[in-house]
C-alpha atoms as a PDB file:
ATOM      1  CA  ALA A   1      21.056   7.810   8.022  1.00  0.00           C
ATOM      2  CA  ASP A   2      17.665   9.311   8.947  1.00  0.00           C
ATOM      3  CA  VAL A   3      15.634   6.942   6.768  1.00  0.00           C
ATOM      4  CA  PRO A   4      13.203   4.943   8.940  1.00  0.00           C
ATOM      5  CA  ARG A   5      13.914   1.196   8.905  1.00  0.00           C
ATOM      6  CA  THR A   6      11.074   0.103  11.218  1.00  0.00           C
ATOM      7  CA  TYR A   7       7.654   1.412  12.122  1.00  0.00           C
ATOM      8  CA  GLY A   8       9.098   2.241  15.539  1.00  0.00           C
ATOM      9  CA  ASP A   9      11.523   4.648  13.837  1.00  0.00           C
ATOM     10  CA  LEU A  10       8.537   6.654  12.604  1.00  0.00           C
ATOM     11  CA  LEU A  11       7.608   7.482  16.213  1.00  0.00           C
ATOM     12  CA  ASP A  12      10.711   9.663  16.573  1.00  0.00           C
ATOM     13  CA  LYS A  13       9.725  13.272  17.316  1.00  0.00           C
ATOM     14  CA  LYS A  14      11.856  14.463  14.401  1.00  0.00           C
ATOM     15  CA  TRP A  15       9.019  13.297  12.129  1.00  0.00           C
ATOM     16  CA  ALA A  16       6.431  15.516  13.852  1.00  0.00           C
ATOM     17  CA  ASN A  17       4.350  17.466  11.301  1.00  0.00           C
ATOM     18  CA  SER A  18       6.169  15.822   8.393  1.00  0.00           C
ATOM     19  CA  LEU A  19       4.294  12.526   7.947  1.00  0.00           C
ATOM     20  CA  SER A  20       1.455  11.780   5.567  1.00  0.00           C
ATOM     21  CA  LEU A  21      -1.175   9.092   6.209  1.00  0.00           C
ATOM     22  CA  ASP A  22      -4.053   8.038   4.014  1.00  0.00           C
ATOM     23  CA  GLN A  23      -7.556   8.659   5.308  1.00  0.00           C
ATOM     24  CA  THR A  24      -8.455   5.089   4.368  1.00  0.00           C
ATOM     25  CA  ASP A  25      -5.583   3.007   5.747  1.00  0.00           C
ATOM     26  CA  GLU A  26      -7.803   0.567   7.617  1.00  0.00           C
ATOM     27  CA  ASP A  27      -6.221  -2.308   5.679  1.00  0.00           C
ATOM     28  CA  TRP A  28      -2.809  -1.270   7.022  1.00  0.00           C
ATOM     29  CA  LEU A  29      -4.172  -1.178  10.576  1.00  0.00           C
ATOM     30  CA  HIS A  30      -5.666  -4.628  10.007  1.00  0.00           C
ATOM     31  CA  VAL A  31      -2.292  -6.050   8.922  1.00  0.00           C
ATOM     32  CA  LEU A  32      -0.526  -4.479  11.899  1.00  0.00           C
ATOM     33  CA  ALA A  33      -3.194  -5.910  14.218  1.00  0.00           C
ATOM     34  CA  ASN A  34      -2.743  -9.368  12.677  1.00  0.00           C
ATOM     35  CA  GLU A  35       1.035  -9.173  13.027  1.00  0.00           C
ATOM     36  CA  TRP A  36       1.394  -7.406  16.396  1.00  0.00           C
ATOM     37  CA  GLY A  37      -1.956  -7.919  18.073  1.00  0.00           C
ATOM     38  CA  GLU A  38      -4.746  -5.359  18.081  1.00  0.00           C
ATOM     39  CA  ALA A  39      -3.699  -3.640  21.331  1.00  0.00           C
ATOM     40  CA  LYS A  40      -0.147  -2.968  20.124  1.00  0.00           C
ATOM     41  CA  ALA A  41      -1.331  -1.875  16.649  1.00  0.00           C
ATOM     42  CA  THR A  42      -3.904   0.583  18.013  1.00  0.00           C
ATOM     43  CA  GLU A  43      -1.412   1.934  20.557  1.00  0.00           C
ATOM     44  CA  TYR A  44       1.111   2.399  17.737  1.00  0.00           C
ATOM     45  CA  LEU A  45      -1.366   4.327  15.589  1.00  0.00           C
ATOM     46  CA  ALA A  46      -2.403   6.473  18.569  1.00  0.00           C
ATOM     47  CA  ASN A  47       1.270   7.311  19.216  1.00  0.00           C
ATOM     48  CA  LEU A  48       1.818   8.062  15.542  1.00  0.00           C
ATOM     49  CA  MET A  49      -1.142  10.468  15.620  1.00  0.00           C
ATOM     50  CA  LYS A  50       0.593  12.417  18.409  1.00  0.00           C
ATOM     51  CA  LEU A  51       3.152  13.456  15.776  1.00  0.00           C
ATOM     52  CA  ASN A  52       0.402  15.286  13.882  1.00  0.00           C
ATOM     53  CA  PRO A  53       0.562  13.470  10.540  1.00  0.00           C
ATOM     54  CA  LYS A  54      -1.500  15.007   7.773  1.00  0.00           C
ATOM     55  CA  LEU A  55      -4.367  12.887   6.515  1.00  0.00           C
ATOM     56  CA  HIS A  56      -5.135  12.952   2.805  1.00  0.00           C
ATOM     57  CA  ARG A  57      -7.074  10.546   0.652  1.00  0.00           C
ATOM     58  CA  GLY A  58      -5.265   8.911  -2.241  1.00  0.00           C
ATOM     59  CA  ARG A  59      -1.865   7.346  -2.491  1.00  0.00           C
ATOM     60  CA  GLU A  60      -1.148   8.978  -5.857  1.00  0.00           C
ATOM     61  CA  LEU A  61      -1.765  12.434  -4.364  1.00  0.00           C
ATOM     62  CA  ARG A  62       0.280  11.625  -1.283  1.00  0.00           C
ATOM     63  CA  SER A  63       3.151  10.262  -3.408  1.00  0.00           C
ATOM     64  CA  GLN A  64       3.183  13.511  -5.376  1.00  0.00           C
ATOM     65  CA  MET A  65       3.116  15.548  -2.166  1.00  0.00           C
ATOM     66  CA  VAL A  66       6.120  13.683  -0.772  1.00  0.00           C
ATOM     67  CA  ALA A  67       7.970  14.062  -4.084  1.00  0.00           C
ATOM     68  CA  ALA A  68       7.197  17.793  -3.998  1.00  0.00           C
ATOM     69  CA  GLY A  69       8.648  18.078  -0.488  1.00  0.00           C
ATOM     70  CA  GLU A  70       5.404  18.802   1.355  1.00  0.00           C
ATOM     71  CA  PHE A  71       6.115  15.824   3.640  1.00  0.00           C
ATOM     72  CA  PHE A  72       9.241  13.863   4.399  1.00  0.00           C
ATOM     73  CA  VAL A  73       7.526  10.503   4.769  1.00  0.00           C
ATOM     74  CA  GLY A  74       4.409   9.065   3.174  1.00  0.00           C
ATOM     75  CA  VAL A  75       3.424   6.092   5.294  1.00  0.00           C
ATOM     76  CA  THR A  76       1.802   3.292   3.232  1.00  0.00           C
ATOM     77  CA  LEU A  77       2.475   4.601  -0.256  1.00  0.00           C
ATOM     78  CA  TYR A  78       2.277   2.134  -3.115  1.00  0.00           C
ATOM     79  CA  ASP A  79       5.782   1.190  -4.216  1.00  0.00           C
ATOM     80  CA  TYR A  80       4.927   1.267  -7.935  1.00  0.00           C
ATOM     81  CA  ARG A  81       3.688   4.872  -7.635  1.00  0.00           C
ATOM     82  CA  VAL A  82       6.939   5.936  -5.996  1.00  0.00           C
ATOM     83  CA  ARG A  83       8.964   4.140  -8.687  1.00  0.00           C
ATOM     84  CA  ASN A  84       6.921   5.821 -11.437  1.00  0.00           C
ATOM     85  CA  LEU A  85       7.591   9.268  -9.965  1.00  0.00           C
ATOM     86  CA  LYS A  86      11.272   8.463  -9.490  1.00  0.00           C
ATOM     87  CA  ALA A  87      11.518   7.333 -13.132  1.00  0.00           C
ATOM     88  CA  LYS A  88      10.190  10.785 -14.110  1.00  0.00           C
ATOM     89  CA  GLY A  89      12.976  12.481 -12.120  1.00  0.00           C
ATOM     90  CA  ALA A  90      11.330  13.021  -8.728  1.00  0.00           C
ATOM     91  CA  THR A  91      13.546  12.871  -5.668  1.00  0.00           C
ATOM     92  CA  ILE A  92      11.622  10.151  -3.865  1.00  0.00           C
ATOM     93  CA  ASN A  93      12.423   6.610  -2.807  1.00  0.00           C
ATOM     94  CA  SER A  94      10.692   3.607  -1.235  1.00  0.00           C
ATOM     95  CA  VAL A  95      11.630   1.808   1.937  1.00  0.00           C
ATOM     96  CA  ALA A  96       9.584  -1.256   2.802  1.00  0.00           C
ATOM     97  CA  LEU A  97       9.015  -1.491   6.549  1.00  0.00           C
ATOM     98  CA  PRO A  98       8.204  -4.886   8.024  1.00  0.00           C
ATOM     99  CA  PRO A  99       5.596  -6.256   8.016  1.00  0.00           C
ATOM    100  CA  ILE A 100       5.647  -5.576   4.272  1.00  0.00           C
ATOM    101  CA  MET A 101       2.126  -5.846   2.934  1.00  0.00           C
ATOM    102  CA  ALA A 102       0.709  -6.290  -0.522  1.00  0.00           C
ATOM    103  CA  LEU A 103      -2.890  -5.956  -1.590  1.00  0.00           C
ATOM    104  CA  PRO A 104      -3.895  -8.323  -4.379  1.00  0.00           C
ATOM    105  CA  ASN A 105      -5.904  -7.271  -7.373  1.00  0.00           C
ATOM    106  CA  VAL A 106      -8.806  -9.593  -7.937  1.00  0.00           C
ATOM    107  CA  LEU A 107     -10.266 -10.655 -11.275  1.00  0.00           C
ATOM    108  CA  LEU A 108     -13.613 -12.336 -11.212  1.00  0.00           C
ATOM    109  CA  LEU A 109     -16.342 -13.415 -13.527  1.00  0.00           C
ATOM    110  CA  ALA A 110     -19.826 -12.523 -12.335  1.00  0.00           C
ATOM    111  CA  ARG A 111     -22.171 -15.469 -12.085  1.00  0.00           C
ATOM    112  CA  TYR A 112     -24.803 -13.945 -14.387  1.00  0.00           C
ATOM    113  CA  ALA A 113     -22.537 -11.923 -16.648  1.00  0.00           C
ATOM    114  CA  PRO A 114     -24.290 -11.000 -19.910  1.00  0.00           C
ATOM    115  CA  ASN A 115     -21.280 -12.166 -21.977  1.00  0.00           C
ATOM    116  CA  PRO A 116     -19.473 -14.719 -19.815  1.00  0.00           C
ATOM    117  CA  HIS A 117     -17.352 -16.167 -22.628  1.00  0.00           C
ATOM    118  CA  ALA A 118     -16.034 -12.751 -23.619  1.00  0.00           C
ATOM    119  CA  ALA A 119     -15.323 -12.004 -19.964  1.00  0.00           C
ATOM    120  CA  ALA A 120     -13.473 -15.323 -19.567  1.00  0.00           C
ATOM    121  CA  LEU A 121     -11.365 -14.540 -22.642  1.00  0.00           C
ATOM    122  CA  PHE A 122     -10.528 -11.112 -21.225  1.00  0.00           C
ATOM    123  CA  ILE A 123      -9.468 -12.676 -17.907  1.00  0.00           C
ATOM    124  CA  ASP A 124      -7.292 -15.201 -19.758  1.00  0.00           C
ATOM    125  CA  TRP A 125      -5.657 -12.374 -21.718  1.00  0.00           C
ATOM    126  CA  GLN A 126      -5.174 -10.215 -18.600  1.00  0.00           C
ATOM    127  CA  LEU A 127      -3.334 -13.073 -16.875  1.00  0.00           C
ATOM    128  CA  SER A 128      -1.233 -13.913 -19.943  1.00  0.00           C
ATOM    129  CA  ALA A 129       2.365 -12.731 -20.294  1.00  0.00           C
ATOM    130  CA  THR A 130       1.212 -10.212 -22.938  1.00  0.00           C
ATOM    131  CA  GLY A 131      -1.535  -8.797 -20.710  1.00  0.00           C
ATOM    132  CA  GLN A 132       0.725  -8.609 -17.673  1.00  0.00           C
ATOM    133  CA  LYS A 133       3.482  -6.851 -19.641  1.00  0.00           C
ATOM    134  CA  LEU A 134       0.945  -4.284 -20.811  1.00  0.00           C
ATOM    135  CA  PHE A 135      -0.315  -3.922 -17.246  1.00  0.00           C
ATOM    136  CA  GLU A 136       3.245  -3.064 -16.245  1.00  0.00           C
ATOM    137  CA  SER A 137       4.242  -0.865 -19.199  1.00  0.00           C
ATOM    138  CA  GLU A 138       1.019   1.134 -19.539  1.00  0.00           C
ATOM    139  CA  LEU A 139      -0.123   1.361 -15.926  1.00  0.00           C
ATOM    140  CA  GLY A 140       3.253   1.093 -14.214  1.00  0.00           C
ATOM    141  CA  ARG A 141       1.899  -1.643 -11.964  1.00  0.00           C
ATOM    142  CA  ASP A 142       3.707  -4.725 -10.756  1.00  0.00           C
ATOM    143  CA  PRO A 143       2.662  -7.801 -12.725  1.00  0.00           C
ATOM    144  CA  THR A 144       1.714 -10.834 -10.704  1.00  0.00           C
ATOM    145  CA  ARG A 145       2.846 -13.403 -13.249  1.00  0.00           C
ATOM    146  CA  LYS A 146       6.079 -15.097 -12.218  1.00  0.00           C
ATOM    147  CA  GLY A 147       9.144 -14.077 -14.170  1.00  0.00           C
ATOM    148  CA  LEU A 148       7.826 -10.627 -15.037  1.00  0.00           C
ATOM    149  CA  GLY A 149       8.539  -7.303 -13.338  1.00  0.00           C
ATOM    150  CA  ARG A 150      11.288  -6.808 -10.831  1.00  0.00           C
ATOM    151  CA  GLY A 151      10.376  -3.405  -9.340  1.00  0.00           C
ATOM    152  CA  MET A 152       8.878  -4.422  -6.046  1.00  0.00           C
ATOM    153  CA  ASP A 153      11.392  -7.256  -5.715  1.00  0.00           C
ATOM    154  CA  GLN A 154      14.126  -4.612  -5.425  1.00  0.00           C
ATOM    155  CA  THR A 155      12.265  -2.726  -2.690  1.00  0.00           C
ATOM    156  CA  VAL A 156      11.362  -5.843  -0.722  1.00  0.00           C
ATOM    157  CA  GLY A 157      14.833  -7.360  -1.115  1.00  0.00           C
ATOM    158  CA  GLY A 158      13.810 -10.966  -0.505  1.00  0.00           C
ATOM    159  CA  ARG A 159      12.182 -10.222   2.855  1.00  0.00           C
ATOM    160  CA  PRO A 160       8.816 -11.821   3.717  1.00  0.00           C
ATOM    161  CA  LEU A 161       5.792 -10.246   2.088  1.00  0.00           C
ATOM    162  CA  LYS A 162       2.359 -10.338   3.745  1.00  0.00           C
ATOM    163  CA  VAL A 163      -0.282 -10.659   1.029  1.00  0.00           C
ATOM    164  CA  ILE A 164      -3.675  -9.705   2.370  1.00  0.00           C
ATOM    165  CA  ALA A 165      -6.184 -12.238   1.132  1.00  0.00           C
ATOM    166  CA  PRO A 166      -9.647 -10.807   0.422  1.00  0.00           C
ATOM    167  CA  GLU A 167     -11.272 -13.481   2.575  1.00  0.00           C
ATOM    168  CA  GLU A 168      -9.044 -12.377   5.461  1.00  0.00           C
ATOM    169  CA  LEU A 169      -9.616  -8.643   5.059  1.00  0.00           C
ATOM    170  CA  GLY A 170     -13.246  -8.631   3.968  1.00  0.00           C
ATOM    171  CA  PRO A 171     -15.075  -9.808   7.094  1.00  0.00           C
ATOM    172  CA  LYS A 172     -13.289  -7.310   9.368  1.00  0.00           C
ATOM    173  CA  ILE A 173     -12.844  -4.296   7.096  1.00  0.00           C
ATOM    174  CA  GLY A 174     -15.842  -2.446   8.524  1.00  0.00           C
ATOM    175  CA  TYR A 175     -14.563  -2.939  12.061  1.00  0.00           C
ATOM    176  CA  TYR A 176     -11.053  -1.726  11.190  1.00  0.00           C
ATOM    177  CA  ALA A 177     -12.417   1.206   9.174  1.00  0.00           C
ATOM    178  CA  LYS A 178     -14.350   2.442  12.241  1.00  0.00           C
ATOM    179  CA  LEU A 179     -11.387   1.831  14.525  1.00  0.00           C
ATOM    180  CA  TYR A 180      -9.010   3.633  12.146  1.00  0.00           C
ATOM    181  CA  ARG A 181     -11.346   6.646  11.865  1.00  0.00           C
ATOM    182  CA  LYS A 182     -11.738   6.774  15.639  1.00  0.00           C
ATOM    183  CA  ILE A 183      -7.989   6.733  16.304  1.00  0.00           C
ATOM    184  CA  THR A 184      -7.223   9.247  13.534  1.00  0.00           C
ATOM    185  CA  GLY A 185     -10.026  11.575  14.609  1.00  0.00           C
ATOM    186  CA  GLN A 186     -12.028  11.421  11.404  1.00  0.00           C
END
C-alpha cells in the first residue's frame, strides 16, 4: 500500500531520509522538464531535496543499497539491475513511475575506423537475434530487438515509454547537468 505510484507520492514526508538519488541524474531532470515544463520539474526536484535523499553515483551501487535495506526507494534505478538482483534472491522490486523513460544504447561506426568492415560485421552481429540474446543472458540487459526479452515489458505494463533520443538529450545535457548539480547542492 505504501509503494509510490507517481512522482508526487515520493514527496510524502514518510520518505524523508530514505530515498536514494544518483549524482548524475541530469537526464532524468531533462525528461521531467520536457514532460512537465522546466519550472515544475525544477520545483519538484527542489521539493524532493527537502526530504534529504542521499546522493550516490552509480545505479548498480544504489540498487544494491536498496536491496540491502539502506534506503527504501532508489529513484531512477535501471529496471534490469533490479530484476537481476531480484533473480539472485534480493528483496527488491521495480515500479515504473510515469513518465517512464528509457535511455537507448547507441552503436556507431567511426568515420575513419581502422577496420571498418570488421566493425560493421560486429554491429551486424550485435543487432542479430544471437547477439541480442547474448546481451540479455550474459549482461542481464534488455534486448532491443523485437520479440526478444520481456523483463521491462512486465514493469512498464503497456504504458507509454519515453525513449530519450540522443539528438534530443545531447544539445541540452550540459545545461541540465549544471541545473541538476545546483538544485542537489553538488
